[in-house]
Amino acid sequence: MMELLKKYKFIILYGIFGVLTTVINIAVYGMFYSVFDVSNVISNIIAWVISVLFAFITNKLWVFESKSFDIKLFMKELGSFTLCRVTTGVLDLGIMFVGVDLLKGPAMILKVVSNVIVIILNYIMSKLFVFKKK
């Protein structure tokens, strides 16, 4: 059992923090969209910024164990992480705009579906481009 946990540690931790990031993203979106009556797109952008900051910190420290805070490495990781997240953020925004604003679909269901797609793509990009081991 311990061997299995060690073997899949990164995926398990990414899953845990991915779920937490998703919960933060959906909760912030829901709060701004439903409670404060902020537009769909603006609510989605606010949720994205907050969840990306949370994801960077947790991914850096615990998922990919990049413990260095050397300014050059930190800025490189932050820059590439942000670029990858912008890419999936645009995809998320597109799904939400088309699904909710154009097709009048259920906002919260589409938000969950969009987040599943984004989580998978974010893991792949983080592993291959952001926190790659030398």
N, C-alpha and C. Protein backbone atom coordinates (compact mmCIF):
# COMPACT_ATOMS: atom_id res chain seq x y z
N MET A 1 0.82 -1.20 0.00
CA MET A 1 0.00 0.00 0.00
C MET A 1 0.87 1.26 0.00
N MET A 2 1.91 1.27 0.83
CA MET A 2 2.79 2.44 0.89
C MET A 2 3.53 2.65 -0.42
N GLU A 3 3.88 1.56 -1.09
CA GLU A 3 4.55 1.67 -2.38
C GLU A 3 3.64 2.33 -3.41
N LEU A 4 2.37 1.98 -3.37
CA LEU A 4 1.39 2.57 -4.28
C LEU A 4 1.25 4.07 -4.00
N LEU A 5 1.20 4.42 -2.72
CA LEU A 5 1.09 5.84 -2.35
C LEU A 5 2.31 6.62 -2.81
N LYS A 6 3.51 6.04 -2.63
CA LYS A 6 4.72 6.72 -3.07
C LYS A 6 4.75 6.85 -4.59
N LYS A 7 4.33 5.79 -5.28
CA LYS A 7 4.36 5.78 -6.74
C LYS A 7 3.43 6.86 -7.32
N TYR A 8 2.27 7.02 -6.70
CA TYR A 8 1.27 7.96 -7.24
C TYR A 8 1.12 9.22 -6.39
N LYS A 9 2.13 9.52 -5.59
CA LYS A 9 2.09 10.67 -4.68
C LYS A 9 1.74 11.97 -5.41
N PHE A 10 2.41 12.23 -6.53
CA PHE A 10 2.17 13.48 -7.25
C PHE A 10 0.73 13.57 -7.75
N ILE A 11 0.24 12.49 -8.28
CA ILE A 11 -1.13 12.49 -8.80
C ILE A 11 -2.14 12.63 -7.67
N ILE A 12 -1.89 11.96 -6.55
CA ILE A 12 -2.79 12.06 -5.40
C ILE A 12 -2.81 13.49 -4.86
N LEU A 13 -1.62 14.06 -4.65
CA LEU A 13 -1.55 15.45 -4.16
C LEU A 13 -2.16 16.42 -5.16
N TYR A 14 -1.88 16.20 -6.45
CA TYR A 14 -2.46 17.09 -7.46
C TYR A 14 -3.97 16.98 -7.42
N GLY A 15 -4.46 15.77 -7.23
CA GLY A 15 -5.91 15.57 -7.14
C GLY A 15 -6.51 16.30 -5.96
N ILE A 16 -5.86 16.18 -4.81
CA ILE A 16 -6.36 16.85 -3.61
C ILE A 16 -6.37 18.37 -3.80
N PHE A 17 -5.21 18.91 -4.24
CA PHE A 17 -5.14 20.36 -4.42
C PHE A 17 -5.96 20.82 -5.63
N GLY A 18 -6.09 19.94 -6.61
CA GLY A 18 -6.96 20.26 -7.75
C GLY A 18 -8.41 20.39 -7.32
N VAL A 19 -8.84 19.48 -6.44
CA VAL A 19 -10.21 19.56 -5.91
C VAL A 19 -10.38 20.85 -5.11
N LEU A 20 -9.40 21.15 -4.24
CA LEU A 20 -9.48 22.38 -3.45
C LEU A 20 -9.48 23.62 -4.34
N THR A 21 -8.64 23.62 -5.37
CA THR A 21 -8.61 24.74 -6.31
C THR A 21 -9.95 24.87 -7.02
N THR A 22 -10.52 23.75 -7.41
CA THR A 22 -11.82 23.75 -8.09
C THR A 22 -12.91 24.26 -7.17
N VAL A 23 -12.87 23.82 -5.92
CA VAL A 23 -13.87 24.29 -4.95
C VAL A 23 -13.75 25.81 -4.77
N ILE A 24 -12.53 26.29 -4.66
CA ILE A 24 -12.31 27.73 -4.53
C ILE A 24 -12.83 28.44 -5.79
N ASN A 25 -12.48 27.92 -6.96
CA ASN A 25 -12.90 28.53 -8.22
C ASN A 25 -14.42 28.58 -8.32
N ILE A 26 -15.08 27.47 -8.05
CA ILE A 26 -16.54 27.42 -8.17
C ILE A 26 -17.22 28.26 -7.10
N ALA A 27 -16.70 28.22 -5.87
CA ALA A 27 -17.30 29.00 -4.79
C ALA A 27 -17.18 30.50 -5.05
N VAL A 28 -16.00 30.93 -5.47
CA VAL A 28 -15.80 32.36 -5.76
C VAL A 28 -16.69 32.78 -6.94
N TYR A 29 -16.70 31.94 -7.99
CA TYR A 29 -17.57 32.24 -9.14
C TYR A 29 -19.03 32.34 -8.69
N GLY A 30 -19.49 31.33 -7.95
CA GLY A 30 -20.88 31.32 -7.50
C GLY A 30 -21.22 32.50 -6.63
N MET A 31 -20.29 32.87 -5.75
CA MET A 31 -20.53 34.00 -4.87
C MET A 31 -20.68 35.30 -5.67
N PHE A 32 -19.75 35.54 -6.57
CA PHE A 32 -19.82 36.78 -7.35
C PHE A 32 -20.99 36.78 -8.33
N TYR A 33 -21.23 35.64 -8.99
CA TYR A 33 -22.29 35.56 -10.01
C TYR A 33 -23.68 35.55 -9.37
N SER A 34 -23.88 34.72 -8.36
CA SER A 34 -25.21 34.54 -7.78
C SER A 34 -25.53 35.50 -6.64
N VAL A 35 -24.57 35.73 -5.77
CA VAL A 35 -24.82 36.54 -4.58
C VAL A 35 -24.67 38.03 -4.89
N PHE A 36 -23.55 38.39 -5.53
CA PHE A 36 -23.27 39.81 -5.78
C PHE A 36 -23.77 40.28 -7.14
N ASP A 37 -24.35 39.37 -7.93
CA ASP A 37 -24.93 39.70 -9.24
C ASP A 37 -23.92 40.35 -10.19
N VAL A 38 -22.68 39.86 -10.13
CA VAL A 38 -21.63 40.32 -11.05
C VAL A 38 -21.78 39.50 -12.33
N SER A 39 -21.47 40.07 -13.46
CA SER A 39 -21.64 39.37 -14.74
C SER A 39 -20.89 38.04 -14.76
N ASN A 40 -21.34 37.15 -15.61
CA ASN A 40 -20.74 35.83 -15.77
C ASN A 40 -19.25 35.92 -16.06
N VAL A 41 -18.86 36.72 -17.04
CA VAL A 41 -17.46 36.80 -17.45
C VAL A 41 -16.59 37.39 -16.35
N ILE A 42 -17.01 38.46 -15.73
CA ILE A 42 -16.23 39.09 -14.66
C ILE A 42 -16.13 38.15 -13.45
N SER A 43 -17.22 37.48 -13.10
CA SER A 43 -17.19 36.50 -12.00
C SER A 43 -16.19 35.40 -12.30
N ASN A 44 -16.16 34.95 -13.54
CA ASN A 44 -15.25 33.89 -13.94
C ASN A 44 -13.79 34.35 -13.87
N ILE A 45 -13.52 35.57 -14.26
CA ILE A 45 -12.15 36.11 -14.22
C ILE A 45 -11.67 36.24 -12.77
N ILE A 46 -12.51 36.75 -11.89
CA ILE A 46 -12.15 36.88 -10.47
C ILE A 46 -11.85 35.51 -9.88
N ALA A 47 -12.72 34.55 -10.15
CA ALA A 47 -12.54 33.18 -9.65
C ALA A 47 -11.25 32.58 -10.18
N TRP A 48 -10.95 32.86 -11.43
CA TRP A 48 -9.74 32.32 -12.06
C TRP A 48 -8.48 32.88 -11.37
N VAL A 49 -8.42 34.17 -11.16
CA VAL A 49 -7.23 34.79 -10.56
C VAL A 49 -6.97 34.22 -9.16
N ILE A 50 -7.99 34.14 -8.35
CA ILE A 50 -7.83 33.64 -6.99
C ILE A 50 -7.43 32.17 -6.98
N SER A 51 -8.05 31.37 -7.83
CA SER A 51 -7.73 29.94 -7.84
C SER A 51 -6.33 29.67 -8.44
N VAL A 52 -5.88 30.49 -9.38
CA VAL A 52 -4.54 30.31 -9.94
C VAL A 52 -3.47 30.62 -8.90
N LEU A 53 -3.66 31.64 -8.11
CA LEU A 53 -2.70 31.96 -7.04
C LEU A 53 -2.62 30.81 -6.03
N PHE A 54 -3.76 30.28 -5.63
CA PHE A 54 -3.79 29.15 -4.72
C PHE A 54 -3.10 27.93 -5.36
N ALA A 55 -3.40 27.66 -6.61
CA ALA A 55 -2.83 26.50 -7.30
C ALA A 55 -1.31 26.62 -7.44
N PHE A 56 -0.80 27.80 -7.75
CA PHE A 56 0.64 27.96 -7.90
C PHE A 56 1.36 27.62 -6.60
N ILE A 57 0.88 28.17 -5.51
CA ILE A 57 1.54 27.94 -4.21
C ILE A 57 1.50 26.45 -3.85
N THR A 58 0.34 25.83 -3.95
CA THR A 58 0.22 24.42 -3.57
C THR A 58 0.98 23.50 -4.52
N ASN A 59 0.93 23.78 -5.81
CA ASN A 59 1.64 22.96 -6.78
C ASN A 59 3.15 23.09 -6.59
N LYS A 60 3.61 24.30 -6.41
CA LYS A 60 5.05 24.52 -6.24
C LYS A 60 5.57 23.79 -5.01
N LEU A 61 4.94 23.98 -3.89
CA LEU A 61 5.46 23.46 -2.63
C LEU A 61 5.21 21.97 -2.40
N TRP A 62 4.01 21.51 -2.70
CA TRP A 62 3.65 20.16 -2.29
C TRP A 62 3.49 19.15 -3.42
N VAL A 63 2.97 19.58 -4.55
CA VAL A 63 2.75 18.61 -5.63
C VAL A 63 4.07 18.30 -6.34
N PHE A 64 4.73 19.32 -6.83
CA PHE A 64 5.96 19.12 -7.61
C PHE A 64 7.22 19.36 -6.79
N GLU A 65 7.05 19.70 -5.51
CA GLU A 65 8.14 19.86 -4.54
C GLU A 65 9.28 20.74 -5.04
N SER A 66 8.92 21.86 -5.59
CA SER A 66 9.91 22.84 -6.02
C SER A 66 10.09 23.81 -4.85
N LYS A 67 11.05 23.51 -4.01
CA LYS A 67 11.22 24.25 -2.75
C LYS A 67 12.11 25.48 -2.88
N SER A 68 12.75 25.65 -4.03
CA SER A 68 13.66 26.77 -4.20
C SER A 68 12.89 28.08 -4.36
N PHE A 69 13.38 29.09 -3.66
CA PHE A 69 12.82 30.42 -3.82
C PHE A 69 13.86 31.37 -4.42
N ASP A 70 14.85 30.78 -5.10
CA ASP A 70 15.78 31.58 -5.88
C ASP A 70 14.94 32.44 -6.82
N ILE A 71 15.17 33.73 -6.83
CA ILE A 71 14.29 34.66 -7.55
C ILE A 71 14.18 34.32 -9.03
N LYS A 72 15.29 33.94 -9.65
CA LYS A 72 15.26 33.62 -11.08
C LYS A 72 14.39 32.39 -11.35
N LEU A 73 14.57 31.35 -10.58
CA LEU A 73 13.77 30.14 -10.75
C LEU A 73 12.31 30.40 -10.39
N PHE A 74 12.08 31.11 -9.30
CA PHE A 74 10.72 31.42 -8.87
C PHE A 74 9.97 32.19 -9.95
N MET A 75 10.60 33.20 -10.53
CA MET A 75 9.95 34.00 -11.57
C MET A 75 9.70 33.18 -12.83
N LYS A 76 10.65 32.30 -13.15
CA LYS A 76 10.46 31.42 -14.32
C LYS A 76 9.27 30.50 -14.09
N GLU A 77 9.19 29.89 -12.91
CA GLU A 77 8.07 29.01 -12.60
C GLU A 77 6.75 29.77 -12.59
N LEU A 78 6.75 30.92 -11.95
CA LEU A 78 5.52 31.72 -11.89
C LEU A 78 5.09 32.15 -13.28
N GLY A 79 6.05 32.57 -14.09
CA GLY A 79 5.72 33.00 -15.45
C GLY A 79 5.16 31.88 -16.30
N SER A 80 5.83 30.73 -16.29
CA SER A 80 5.35 29.62 -17.12
C SER A 80 4.05 29.04 -16.55
N PHE A 81 3.91 29.02 -15.23
CA PHE A 81 2.67 28.55 -14.61
C PHE A 81 1.51 29.46 -15.03
N THR A 82 1.75 30.77 -14.93
CA THR A 82 0.71 31.73 -15.29
C THR A 82 0.36 31.63 -16.77
N LEU A 83 1.36 31.48 -17.63
CA LEU A 83 1.10 31.34 -19.06
C LEU A 83 0.24 30.10 -19.35
N CYS A 84 0.59 28.99 -18.71
CA CYS A 84 -0.21 27.77 -18.89
C CYS A 84 -1.63 27.98 -18.37
N ARG A 85 -1.75 28.63 -17.24
CA ARG A 85 -3.08 28.87 -16.67
C ARG A 85 -3.89 29.87 -17.49
N VAL A 86 -3.20 30.83 -18.10
CA VAL A 86 -3.91 31.76 -18.99
C VAL A 86 -4.51 30.97 -20.16
N THR A 87 -3.74 30.03 -20.68
CA THR A 87 -4.22 29.21 -21.79
C THR A 87 -5.49 28.45 -21.39
N THR A 88 -5.44 27.77 -20.24
CA THR A 88 -6.63 27.03 -19.82
C THR A 88 -7.72 27.97 -19.29
N GLY A 89 -7.31 29.13 -18.80
CA GLY A 89 -8.28 30.13 -18.37
C GLY A 89 -9.10 30.65 -19.54
N VAL A 90 -8.44 30.86 -20.67
CA VAL A 90 -9.15 31.29 -21.88
C VAL A 90 -10.11 30.19 -22.34
N LEU A 91 -9.66 28.95 -22.26
CA LEU A 91 -10.54 27.83 -22.60
C LEU A 91 -11.75 27.81 -21.68
N ASP A 92 -11.53 27.95 -20.37
CA ASP A 92 -12.62 27.99 -19.39
C ASP A 92 -13.57 29.13 -19.69
N LEU A 93 -13.01 30.30 -19.95
CA LEU A 93 -13.83 31.46 -20.27
C LEU A 93 -14.66 31.23 -21.52
N GLY A 94 -14.05 30.61 -22.53
CA GLY A 94 -14.78 30.30 -23.77
C GLY A 94 -15.92 29.33 -23.54
N ILE A 95 -15.65 28.29 -22.76
CA ILE A 95 -16.71 27.31 -22.44
C ILE A 95 -17.85 28.00 -21.71
N MET A 96 -17.52 28.83 -20.72
CA MET A 96 -18.56 29.52 -19.95
C MET A 96 -19.32 30.54 -20.79
N PHE A 97 -18.63 31.28 -21.63
CA PHE A 97 -19.29 32.28 -22.46
C PHE A 97 -20.25 31.61 -23.45
N VAL A 98 -19.75 30.61 -24.16
CA VAL A 98 -20.59 29.92 -25.13
C VAL A 98 -21.73 29.18 -24.43
N GLY A 99 -21.38 28.42 -23.37
CA GLY A 99 -22.38 27.60 -22.69
C GLY A 99 -23.44 28.39 -21.96
N VAL A 100 -23.04 29.46 -21.26
CA VAL A 100 -24.00 30.20 -20.43
C VAL A 100 -24.60 31.39 -21.20
N ASP A 101 -23.74 32.24 -21.74
CA ASP A 101 -24.24 33.46 -22.36
C ASP A 101 -24.90 33.22 -23.73
N LEU A 102 -24.32 32.36 -24.53
CA LEU A 102 -24.88 32.14 -25.87
C LEU A 102 -25.94 31.03 -25.90
N LEU A 103 -25.64 29.90 -25.25
CA LEU A 103 -26.56 28.76 -25.31
C LEU A 103 -27.53 28.70 -24.13
N LYS A 104 -27.36 29.60 -23.16
CA LYS A 104 -28.23 29.69 -21.98
C LYS A 104 -28.28 28.39 -21.18
N GLY A 105 -27.12 27.72 -21.09
CA GLY A 105 -27.02 26.48 -20.31
C GLY A 105 -26.91 26.76 -18.83
N PRO A 106 -26.99 25.71 -18.01
CA PRO A 106 -26.92 25.87 -16.56
C PRO A 106 -25.50 26.24 -16.11
N ALA A 107 -25.35 27.42 -15.55
CA ALA A 107 -24.04 27.99 -15.24
C ALA A 107 -23.20 27.08 -14.33
N MET A 108 -23.76 26.61 -13.25
CA MET A 108 -22.96 25.86 -12.29
C MET A 108 -22.56 24.48 -12.83
N ILE A 109 -23.42 23.84 -13.59
CA ILE A 109 -23.07 22.54 -14.19
C ILE A 109 -21.96 22.73 -15.22
N LEU A 110 -22.09 23.75 -16.05
CA LEU A 110 -21.06 24.03 -17.04
C LEU A 110 -19.74 24.40 -16.38
N LYS A 111 -19.80 25.09 -15.24
CA LYS A 111 -18.59 25.46 -14.52
C LYS A 111 -17.86 24.22 -14.02
N VAL A 112 -18.59 23.24 -13.53
CA VAL A 112 -17.98 21.99 -13.05
C VAL A 112 -17.35 21.23 -14.22
N VAL A 113 -18.07 21.09 -15.33
CA VAL A 113 -17.55 20.39 -16.51
C VAL A 113 -16.30 21.08 -17.03
N SER A 114 -16.34 22.39 -17.12
CA SER A 114 -15.20 23.15 -17.58
C SER A 114 -13.99 22.93 -16.68
N ASN A 115 -14.22 22.90 -15.36
CA ASN A 115 -13.13 22.71 -14.42
C ASN A 115 -12.48 21.33 -14.55
N VAL A 116 -13.23 20.31 -14.84
CA VAL A 116 -12.66 18.97 -15.03
C VAL A 116 -11.68 18.99 -16.21
N ILE A 117 -12.09 19.59 -17.31
CA ILE A 117 -11.23 19.69 -18.49
C ILE A 117 -9.97 20.48 -18.16
N VAL A 118 -10.15 21.59 -17.48
CA VAL A 118 -9.03 22.47 -17.13
C VAL A 118 -8.04 21.77 -16.18
N ILE A 119 -8.53 21.03 -15.21
CA ILE A 119 -7.65 20.33 -14.26
C ILE A 119 -6.73 19.36 -14.98
N ILE A 120 -7.29 18.59 -15.89
CA ILE A 120 -6.48 17.62 -16.63
C ILE A 120 -5.41 18.32 -17.45
N LEU A 121 -5.78 19.34 -18.18
CA LEU A 121 -4.81 20.07 -18.99
C LEU A 121 -3.75 20.77 -18.13
N ASN A 122 -4.16 21.32 -16.99
CA ASN A 122 -3.21 21.99 -16.10
C ASN A 122 -2.16 21.03 -15.55
N TYR A 123 -2.56 19.82 -15.20
CA TYR A 123 -1.60 18.84 -14.69
C TYR A 123 -0.56 18.51 -15.76
N ILE A 124 -1.04 18.25 -16.95
CA ILE A 124 -0.13 17.89 -18.04
C ILE A 124 0.87 19.02 -18.29
N MET A 125 0.38 20.25 -18.37
CA MET A 125 1.27 21.38 -18.64
C MET A 125 2.23 21.64 -17.48
N SER A 126 1.75 21.51 -16.24
CA SER A 126 2.64 21.73 -15.08
C SER A 126 3.75 20.70 -15.05
N LYS A 127 3.41 19.46 -15.31
CA LYS A 127 4.40 18.38 -15.27
C LYS A 127 5.42 18.52 -16.41
N LEU A 128 4.96 18.88 -17.59
CA LEU A 128 5.84 18.94 -18.76
C LEU A 128 6.61 20.25 -18.90
N PHE A 129 6.03 21.37 -18.48
CA PHE A 129 6.63 22.67 -18.78
C PHE A 129 7.02 23.52 -17.57
N VAL A 130 6.28 23.43 -16.48
CA VAL A 130 6.49 24.38 -15.37
C VAL A 130 7.46 23.84 -14.33
N PHE A 131 7.14 22.71 -13.72
CA PHE A 131 7.93 22.18 -12.62
C PHE A 131 8.69 20.93 -13.04
N LYS A 132 9.17 20.90 -14.25
CA LYS A 132 9.86 19.71 -14.75
C LYS A 132 11.17 19.50 -14.00
N LYS A 133 11.42 18.24 -13.72
CA LYS A 133 12.66 17.87 -13.03
C LYS A 133 13.79 17.80 -14.05
N LYS A 134 14.97 18.20 -13.61
CA LYS A 134 16.12 18.17 -14.52
C LYS A 134 16.76 16.81 -14.51
